[in-house]
């Protein structure tokens, strides 16, 4: 594994966690959005990470790792959370139904903040790996002088 492989893997992790943070930020920003252009309340979104083909056999995955080197991570898709939103009784709200209930998004701001902290820590871990490998490369060059 070369220094460039380490940097490629780390940068793929940085990009994936950055997109995850953007999705989480969007969820938090729309936690009270009761009407979207599509109609209905905002639906919480989440990212799905992928590293390799999940249907491959263990031997195939192992040999591909040994032969081709390690792979990074990428966001394979952004999915919508299927859980139902919250119904609140607010008869004066412009989006209230005939019974006075308003359907709010299925976003829990506390859970989203926990996810944001986790994504931030993962981002920082990838950054630390990249900085450590850069530091090792610089020290190796200094040894050669």
Protein backbone atom coordinates (compact mmCIF):
# COMPACT_ATOMS: atom_id res chain seq x y z
CA UNK A 1 0.00 0.00 0.00
CA UNK A 2 1.42 3.33 -1.02
CA UNK A 3 0.96 6.74 0.52
CA UNK A 4 -1.34 7.59 -2.37
CA UNK A 5 -3.61 4.64 -1.56
CA UNK A 6 -3.91 5.87 2.03
CA UNK A 7 -4.71 9.37 0.84
CA UNK A 8 -7.28 8.05 -1.67
CA UNK A 9 -9.03 6.00 1.02
CA UNK A 10 -8.98 8.90 3.46
CA UNK A 11 -10.31 11.37 0.90
CA UNK A 12 -13.16 9.03 -0.03
CA UNK A 13 -14.09 8.87 3.67
CA UNK A 14 -13.94 12.67 3.92
CA UNK A 15 -16.23 13.09 0.91
CA UNK A 16 -18.72 10.51 2.18
CA UNK A 17 -18.90 12.05 5.66
CA UNK A 18 -19.23 15.54 4.20
CA UNK A 19 -22.27 14.44 2.18
CA UNK A 20 -23.67 12.74 5.29
CA UNK A 21 -23.28 16.00 7.23
CA UNK A 22 -25.08 17.89 4.45
CA UNK A 23 -28.01 15.45 4.57
CA UNK A 24 -28.18 15.69 8.38
CA UNK A 25 -28.10 19.49 8.16
CA UNK A 26 -30.97 19.39 5.70
CA UNK A 27 -32.93 17.15 8.08
CA UNK A 28 -32.38 19.56 10.98
CA UNK A 29 -33.25 22.61 8.86
CA UNK A 30 -36.52 21.00 7.74
CA UNK A 31 -37.58 19.55 11.11
CA UNK A 32 -40.67 21.80 11.11
CA UNK A 33 -41.43 21.89 7.38
CA UNK A 34 -45.04 20.80 6.99
CA UNK A 35 -45.41 21.53 3.27
CA UNK A 36 -42.94 20.71 0.51
CA UNK A 37 -43.23 21.26 -3.26
CA UNK A 38 -44.12 17.56 -3.56
CA UNK A 39 -46.93 17.99 -1.04
CA UNK A 40 -46.97 16.83 2.54
CA UNK A 41 -44.32 17.24 5.20
CA UNK A 42 -40.57 16.92 4.73
CA UNK A 43 -39.35 13.31 4.86
CA UNK A 44 -36.13 12.55 6.75
CA UNK A 45 -33.24 11.37 4.58
CA UNK A 46 -30.24 9.19 5.35
CA UNK A 47 -27.18 7.99 3.43
CA UNK A 48 -26.10 4.45 2.65
CA UNK A 49 -22.35 3.78 2.45
CA UNK A 50 -20.86 1.09 0.25
CA UNK A 51 -17.36 -0.37 0.06
CA UNK A 52 -17.64 -3.49 -2.06
CA UNK A 53 -20.16 -5.85 -3.62
CA UNK A 54 -22.17 -7.30 -0.73
CA UNK A 55 -23.27 -10.35 -2.72
CA UNK A 56 -19.72 -11.58 -3.42
CA UNK A 57 -18.36 -14.60 -1.58
CA UNK A 58 -15.77 -14.13 1.17
CA UNK A 59 -12.98 -15.64 -0.94
CA UNK A 60 -13.71 -13.28 -3.82
CA UNK A 61 -13.72 -10.25 -1.53
CA UNK A 62 -10.51 -11.36 0.20
CA UNK A 63 -8.66 -12.03 -3.06
CA UNK A 64 -9.82 -8.70 -4.52
CA UNK A 65 -8.49 -6.93 -1.42
CA UNK A 66 -5.15 -8.70 -1.66
CA UNK A 67 -4.83 -8.34 -5.45
CA UNK A 68 -6.32 -4.90 -6.06
CA UNK A 69 -5.57 -3.15 -2.78
CA UNK A 70 -8.02 -1.67 -0.35
CA UNK A 71 -10.96 0.40 -1.45
CA UNK A 72 -12.48 3.51 -0.01
CA UNK A 73 -16.05 4.26 0.86
CA UNK A 74 -18.73 5.98 -1.16
CA UNK A 75 -22.34 6.96 -0.72
CA UNK A 76 -24.31 4.47 -2.77
CA UNK A 77 -27.67 6.17 -2.28
CA UNK A 78 -29.66 8.65 -0.25
CA UNK A 79 -32.79 7.01 1.11
CA UNK A 80 -35.95 8.40 2.67
CA UNK A 81 -36.96 7.28 6.15
CA UNK A 82 -40.25 5.35 6.01
CA UNK A 83 -41.26 6.06 9.61
CA UNK A 84 -44.46 8.08 10.05
CA UNK A 85 -44.43 11.75 10.95
CA UNK A 86 -45.96 13.26 14.08
CA UNK A 87 -49.57 14.43 14.15
CA UNK A 88 -50.16 17.47 16.32
CA UNK A 89 -53.41 19.21 17.10
CA UNK A 90 -53.04 22.77 15.80
CA UNK A 91 -56.37 23.82 14.28
CA UNK A 92 -55.13 27.33 13.38
CA UNK A 93 -52.17 26.05 11.35
CA UNK A 94 -52.55 26.60 7.58
CA UNK A 95 -51.72 22.92 6.90
CA UNK A 96 -54.23 21.52 9.40
CA UNK A 97 -56.63 18.87 8.13
CA UNK A 98 -60.41 18.96 8.67
CA UNK A 99 -59.97 17.63 12.23
CA UNK A 100 -57.34 20.27 13.12
CA UNK A 101 -54.29 17.98 13.02
CA UNK A 102 -51.04 18.87 11.27
CA UNK A 103 -48.62 16.21 10.04
CA UNK A 104 -45.04 17.18 10.95
CA UNK A 105 -41.83 15.62 9.57
CA UNK A 106 -40.40 12.39 10.97
CA UNK A 107 -37.24 14.25 12.07
CA UNK A 108 -36.03 14.03 15.67
CA UNK A 109 -33.59 16.94 16.16
CA UNK A 110 -31.85 15.20 19.09
CA UNK A 111 -31.14 12.08 17.03
CA UNK A 112 -29.96 14.23 14.16
CA UNK A 113 -27.52 16.06 16.44
CA UNK A 114 -26.14 12.72 17.65
CA UNK A 115 -25.73 11.67 13.99
CA UNK A 116 -24.02 14.99 13.26
CA UNK A 117 -21.50 14.47 16.07
CA UNK A 118 -20.83 10.93 14.83
CA UNK A 119 -20.31 12.14 11.25
CA UNK A 120 -18.00 14.90 12.51
CA UNK A 121 -15.92 12.41 14.51
CA UNK A 122 -15.66 10.11 11.50
CA UNK A 123 -14.58 13.04 9.35
CA UNK A 124 -11.93 13.98 11.93
CA UNK A 125 -10.69 10.37 12.08
CA UNK A 126 -10.21 10.29 8.30
CA UNK A 127 -8.43 13.61 8.47
CA UNK A 128 -6.14 12.31 11.23
CA UNK A 129 -5.20 9.28 9.13
CA UNK A 130 -4.35 11.52 6.19
CA UNK A 131 -2.28 13.89 8.36
CA UNK A 132 -0.43 10.99 9.99
CA UNK A 133 0.45 9.45 6.63
CA UNK A 134 1.57 12.84 5.31
CA UNK A 135 3.76 13.25 8.38
CA UNK A 136 5.28 9.78 7.90
CA UNK A 137 6.02 10.54 4.25
CA UNK A 138 7.76 13.79 5.18
CA UNK A 139 9.84 11.98 7.82
CA UNK A 140 10.78 9.30 5.29
CA UNK A 141 11.94 11.98 2.87
CA UNK A 142 13.96 13.62 5.66
CA UNK A 143 15.68 10.28 6.36
CA UNK A 144 16.80 10.13 2.75
CA UNK A 145 18.62 13.48 2.94
